[in-house]
Every structure is written in structure tokens, then in C-alpha cells.
C-alpha atoms as a PDB file:
ATOM      1  CA  MET A   1      50.488-104.801  48.587  1.00  0.00           C
ATOM      2  CA  THR A   2      47.586-102.593  47.594  1.00  0.00           C
ATOM      3  CA  VAL A   3      47.896 -99.924  44.904  1.00  0.00           C
ATOM      4  CA  VAL A   4      45.269 -97.225  45.457  1.00  0.00           C
ATOM      5  CA  ILE A   5      44.495 -94.958  42.495  1.00  0.00           C
ATOM      6  CA  ARG A   6      41.941 -92.189  42.115  1.00  0.00           C
ATOM      7  CA  ARG A   7      41.469 -92.847  38.390  1.00  0.00           C
ATOM      8  CA  PRO A   8      39.384 -95.697  36.928  1.00  0.00           C
ATOM      9  CA  SER A   9      42.477 -97.539  35.658  1.00  0.00           C
ATOM     10  CA  LEU A  10      46.244 -97.494  35.565  1.00  0.00           C
ATOM     11  CA  ASP A  11      46.183 -97.147  31.755  1.00  0.00           C
ATOM     12  CA  GLU A  12      45.815 -93.367  31.876  1.00  0.00           C
ATOM     13  CA  THR A  13      49.062 -92.614  33.684  1.00  0.00           C
ATOM     14  CA  MET A  14      51.273 -95.711  33.922  1.00  0.00           C
ATOM     15  CA  SER A  15      53.536 -97.367  31.374  1.00  0.00           C
ATOM     16  CA  THR A  16      52.187-100.589  29.859  1.00  0.00           C
ATOM     17  CA  TYR A  17      55.169-102.650  31.016  1.00  0.00           C
ATOM     18  CA  LEU A  18      54.557-101.561  34.631  1.00  0.00           C
ATOM     19  CA  ILE A  19      50.860-102.423  34.395  1.00  0.00           C
ATOM     20  CA  HIS A  20      51.787-105.913  33.150  1.00  0.00           C
ATOM     21  CA  GLU A  21      54.363-106.238  35.923  1.00  0.00           C
ATOM     22  CA  LEU A  22      51.722-105.482  38.566  1.00  0.00           C
ATOM     23  CA  ALA A  23      49.106-107.702  36.919  1.00  0.00           C
ATOM     24  CA  GLY A  24      51.511-110.636  37.004  1.00  0.00           C
ATOM     25  CA  ARG A  25      51.938-110.493  40.762  1.00  0.00           C
ATOM     26  CA  HIS A  26      49.552-112.472  42.966  1.00  0.00           C
ATOM     27  CA  ASN A  27      50.313-110.301  45.997  1.00  0.00           C
ATOM     28  CA  VAL A  28      49.335-106.963  44.390  1.00  0.00           C
ATOM     29  CA  VAL A  29      45.769-105.638  44.454  1.00  0.00           C
ATOM     30  CA  VAL A  30      44.825-102.505  42.491  1.00  0.00           C
ATOM     31  CA  ARG A  31      41.941-100.444  43.929  1.00  0.00           C
ATOM     32  CA  PRO A  32      40.779 -97.961  41.270  1.00  0.00           C
ATOM     33  CA  CYS A  33      38.536 -94.966  42.003  1.00  0.00           C
ATOM     34  CA  THR A  34      39.787 -94.930  45.591  1.00  0.00           C
ATOM     35  CA  GLU A  35      41.609 -92.427  47.787  1.00  0.00           C
ATOM     36  CA  VAL A  36      43.274 -92.466  51.205  1.00  0.00           C
ATOM     37  CA  ILE A  37      41.383 -90.175  53.578  1.00  0.00           C
ATOM     38  CA  ASP A  38      42.820 -91.075  56.986  1.00  0.00           C
ATOM     39  CA  GLY A  39      45.423 -93.184  58.698  1.00  0.00           C
ATOM     40  CA  GLY A  40      46.738 -93.890  62.153  1.00  0.00           C
ATOM     41  CA  GLY A  41      48.086 -96.259  64.728  1.00  0.00           C
ATOM     42  CA  ASP A  42      49.723 -96.362  68.126  1.00  0.00           C
ATOM     43  CA  GLY A  43      53.071 -94.713  67.408  1.00  0.00           C
ATOM     44  CA  VAL A  44      53.370 -96.384  63.986  1.00  0.00           C
ATOM     45  CA  LEU A  45      51.126 -96.661  60.959  1.00  0.00           C
ATOM     46  CA  GLU A  46      48.672 -99.510  61.548  1.00  0.00           C
ATOM     47  CA  TRP A  47      45.637 -98.617  59.429  1.00  0.00           C
ATOM     48  CA  LEU A  48      44.292 -96.459  56.610  1.00  0.00           C
ATOM     49  CA  VAL A  49      40.782 -95.394  55.702  1.00  0.00           C
ATOM     50  CA  LEU A  50      40.033 -95.698  51.992  1.00  0.00           C
ATOM     51  CA  ARG A  51      37.100 -94.014  50.246  1.00  0.00           C
ATOM     52  CA  ASP A  52      35.516 -95.431  47.102  1.00  0.00           C
ATOM     53  CA  LEU A  53      34.996 -92.450  44.793  1.00  0.00           C
ATOM     54  CA  ASN A  54      32.069 -94.120  43.017  1.00  0.00           C
ATOM     55  CA  ASP A  55      29.778 -94.649  45.999  1.00  0.00           C
ATOM     56  CA  GLU A  56      31.573 -92.691  48.785  1.00  0.00           C
ATOM     57  CA  SER A  57      31.770 -95.837  50.949  1.00  0.00           C
ATOM     58  CA  THR A  58      34.764 -96.122  53.264  1.00  0.00           C
ATOM     59  CA  ALA A  59      36.806 -99.044  54.516  1.00  0.00           C
ATOM     60  CA  ARG A  60      39.400 -99.212  57.265  1.00  0.00           C
ATOM     61  CA  VAL A  61      42.263-101.488  56.214  1.00  0.00           C
ATOM     62  CA  GLU A  62      45.412-102.680  57.953  1.00  0.00           C
ATOM     63  CA  ALA A  63      48.606-100.986  56.757  1.00  0.00           C
ATOM     64  CA  SER A  64      52.216-101.043  57.882  1.00  0.00           C
ATOM     65  CA  GLY A  65      53.559 -98.718  55.206  1.00  0.00           C
ATOM     66  CA  LEU A  66      52.366 -96.010  52.874  1.00  0.00           C
ATOM     67  CA  TYR A  67      54.092 -94.771  49.744  1.00  0.00           C
ATOM     68  CA  LEU A  68      52.539 -91.954  47.778  1.00  0.00           C
ATOM     69  CA  LEU A  69      52.734 -91.210  44.068  1.00  0.00           C
ATOM     70  CA  LEU A  70      50.748 -88.053  43.647  1.00  0.00           C
ATOM     71  CA  GLY A  71      51.779 -86.456  40.390  1.00  0.00           C
ATOM     72  CA  ALA A  72      51.643 -82.711  39.930  1.00  0.00           C
ATOM     73  CA  GLU A  73      49.277 -82.029  42.826  1.00  0.00           C
ATOM     74  CA  PRO A  74      50.129 -83.327  46.285  1.00  0.00           C
ATOM     75  CA  HIS A  75      46.578 -84.183  47.511  1.00  0.00           C
ATOM     76  CA  CYS A  76      47.786 -84.692  51.077  1.00  0.00           C
ATOM     77  CA  GLU A  77      45.068 -82.729  52.866  1.00  0.00           C
ATOM     78  CA  TRP A  78      44.516 -85.718  55.141  1.00  0.00           C
ATOM     79  CA  LEU A  79      47.915 -85.220  56.810  1.00  0.00           C
ATOM     80  CA  PRO A  80      47.821 -83.346  60.135  1.00  0.00           C
ATOM     81  CA  GLU A  81      48.186 -79.561  59.861  1.00  0.00           C
ATOM     82  CA  ASP A  82      51.405 -79.803  61.903  1.00  0.00           C
ATOM     83  CA  VAL A  83      53.064 -81.341  58.838  1.00  0.00           C
ATOM     84  CA  CYS A  84      54.182 -78.078  57.215  1.00  0.00           C
ATOM     85  CA  ARG A  85      53.623 -77.508  53.510  1.00  0.00           C
ATOM     86  CA  ASP A  86      54.753 -74.987  50.923  1.00  0.00           C
ATOM     87  CA  GLU A  87      52.414 -72.636  49.037  1.00  0.00           C
ATOM     88  CA  TYR A  88      51.559 -75.449  46.590  1.00  0.00           C
ATOM     89  CA  GLY A  89      50.741 -78.020  49.278  1.00  0.00           C
ATOM     90  CA  PHE A  90      53.962 -80.040  49.049  1.00  0.00           C
ATOM     91  CA  VAL A  91      55.422 -81.265  52.359  1.00  0.00           C
ATOM     92  CA  LEU A  92      58.388 -79.391  53.843  1.00  0.00           C
ATOM     93  CA  ALA A  93      61.320 -81.401  55.200  1.00  0.00           C
ATOM     94  CA  GLY A  94      64.765 -80.804  56.659  1.00  0.00           C
ATOM     95  CA  ARG A  95      66.049 -77.226  56.343  1.00  0.00           C
ATOM     96  CA  ASP A  96      62.838 -76.215  54.558  1.00  0.00           C
ATOM     97  CA  VAL A  97      60.856 -76.756  57.778  1.00  0.00           C
ATOM     98  CA  PRO A  98      60.252 -73.366  59.460  1.00  0.00           C
ATOM     99  CA  GLU A  99      62.885 -72.614  62.115  1.00  0.00           C
ATOM    100  CA  ARG A 100      60.290 -72.494  64.903  1.00  0.00           C
ATOM    101  CA  PHE A 101      60.060 -76.308  64.542  1.00  0.00           C
ATOM    102  CA  TRP A 102      63.818 -76.894  64.756  1.00  0.00           C
ATOM    103  CA  THR A 103      65.268 -78.379  67.956  1.00  0.00           C
ATOM    104  CA  ASP A 104      67.953 -76.253  69.641  1.00  0.00           C
ATOM    105  CA  GLY A 105      68.611 -74.458  66.348  1.00  0.00           C
ATOM    106  CA  VAL A 106      69.088 -77.726  64.457  1.00  0.00           C
ATOM    107  CA  PRO A 107      66.771 -78.534  61.532  1.00  0.00           C
ATOM    108  CA  PRO A 108      65.108 -81.926  61.151  1.00  0.00           C
ATOM    109  CA  ALA A 109      66.899 -84.594  59.114  1.00  0.00           C
ATOM    110  CA  PRO A 110      66.687 -83.980  55.343  1.00  0.00           C
ATOM    111  CA  LEU A 111      63.559 -86.147  54.880  1.00  0.00           C
ATOM    112  CA  ALA A 112      61.996 -85.501  58.292  1.00  0.00           C
ATOM    113  CA  THR A 113      59.014 -83.178  58.655  1.00  0.00           C
ATOM    114  CA  ALA A 114      58.082 -80.820  61.483  1.00  0.00           C
ATOM    115  CA  VAL A 115      56.322 -83.747  63.186  1.00  0.00           C
ATOM    116  CA  PRO A 116      58.662 -86.260  64.863  1.00  0.00           C
ATOM    117  CA  GLY A 117      58.279 -89.683  63.268  1.00  0.00           C
ATOM    118  CA  VAL A 118      56.676 -88.373  60.067  1.00  0.00           C
ATOM    119  CA  PHE A 119      59.003 -88.593  57.085  1.00  0.00           C
ATOM    120  CA  VAL A 120      58.540 -87.647  53.436  1.00  0.00           C
ATOM    121  CA  ALA A 121      60.034 -88.994  50.220  1.00  0.00           C
ATOM    122  CA  GLY A 122      59.488 -88.518  46.528  1.00  0.00           C
ATOM    123  CA  ASP A 123      57.144 -86.254  44.636  1.00  0.00           C
ATOM    124  CA  ILE A 124      55.138 -85.144  47.680  1.00  0.00           C
ATOM    125  CA  ARG A 125      58.250 -83.449  49.156  1.00  0.00           C
ATOM    126  CA  SER A 126      58.671 -79.762  48.409  1.00  0.00           C
ATOM    127  CA  GLY A 127      61.673 -79.247  46.145  1.00  0.00           C
ATOM    128  CA  SER A 128      61.897 -82.879  45.034  1.00  0.00           C
ATOM    129  CA  MET A 129      63.086 -83.736  41.536  1.00  0.00           C
ATOM    130  CA  LYS A 130      59.768 -85.434  40.607  1.00  0.00           C
ATOM    131  CA  ARG A 131      61.607 -88.419  39.118  1.00  0.00           C
ATOM    132  CA  VAL A 132      61.168 -92.123  39.892  1.00  0.00           C
ATOM    133  CA  ALA A 133      64.851 -92.756  40.581  1.00  0.00           C
ATOM    134  CA  ALA A 134      65.066 -89.821  42.990  1.00  0.00           C
ATOM    135  CA  ALA A 135      61.885 -90.887  44.792  1.00  0.00           C
ATOM    136  CA  THR A 136      63.184 -94.447  45.065  1.00  0.00           C
ATOM    137  CA  GLY A 137      66.429 -93.256  46.603  1.00  0.00           C
ATOM    138  CA  GLU A 138      64.606 -91.012  49.049  1.00  0.00           C
ATOM    139  CA  GLY A 139      62.267 -93.861  49.979  1.00  0.00           C
ATOM    140  CA  SER A 140      65.273 -96.048  50.749  1.00  0.00           C
ATOM    141  CA  SER A 141      66.811 -93.271  52.838  1.00  0.00           C
ATOM    142  CA  VAL A 142      63.628 -92.867  54.862  1.00  0.00           C
ATOM    143  CA  VAL A 143      63.846 -96.498  55.989  1.00  0.00           C
ATOM    144  CA  GLY A 144      67.040 -95.693  57.904  1.00  0.00           C
ATOM    145  CA  LEU A 145      65.440 -92.621  59.466  1.00  0.00           C
ATOM    146  CA  VAL A 146      62.457 -94.696  60.589  1.00  0.00           C
ATOM    147  CA  HIS A 147      64.748 -97.281  62.200  1.00  0.00           C
ATOM    148  CA  ALA A 148      66.678 -94.525  63.971  1.00  0.00           C
ATOM    149  CA  PHE A 149      63.436 -92.924  65.168  1.00  0.00           C
ATOM    150  CA  LEU A 150      62.173 -96.251  66.511  1.00  0.00           C
ATOM    151  CA  GLY A 151      65.524 -96.937  68.158  1.00  0.00           C
ATOM    152  CA  ASP A 152      66.152-100.160  66.239  1.00  0.00           C
END
């Protein structure tokens, strides 16, 4: 797992016990001063492009999942324009998606966006509670939606 953060270190925004928890795991890499600028794949997420904020270099890395913790500002400009957002830039889902994107008068699932196969959970979702427990629950719920979308 790779943790990508725009800041120079986790110390500025994360609890000490969580930093120690991450540091103690051999399968977690923290990439400071980095941001996600692109992503894609053939029907599923397969890769991300990361930009180093110090030297502007980019790297394309394999990825099978992406979870965002964005704080007070969504910073999701890299998502396609078809993924509708509110006036603050947070992603619209479910009944909040404009009716023109509904199918036969039915809104998308509660965590589904206007783009089929693109789901949203946690702080990036418009109207979310901005709490870890809520984001965790939404993230778990999205897994079921992804399986249903893929027909598994």
C-alpha cells in the first residue's frame, strides 16, 4: 500500500499513534510531497500518475484501488468533468446527482456518481459527515457496489 501525501510529512495532520502504526508495517510506503494527477485502466483502475511536488517529475504506478483523504478541500480536479460536483468541488452521488443523469427517473445508488462505475466515499462526497468512522463505513459499502457493477 502506498500513502500519498501533499505535505512533507504525516506529522502535520495525522495522530502520532497512526504514524507509528504505518511506520511499523513493511507493506506501507509513504510518498510525501506527492499528488495524484491522473489514473486509468481498461474498465477498472489499473494505474495512477503521481507528481513529485519538489521537482515536478511524474511516475506512472500500478494501482488496483484508490482511497482519498482530502481534508477540507476536495482537490479532485483530475477526475473527469462528467463526475458532477457541488459548488465547493465535492463529488455528487445518489439523489444529489442532477436528474438529467438519472436512468428512467431513478437516481444512482447512494454512493454512485453520474458516471457508471465511479463511486465515492468519505470526505470527498458532497454532504458527507467528514468523520473517519463514516468514511470507513461508506468505503465498505462501495465494495459491494463495485462487485455489483462488475457482475461478481
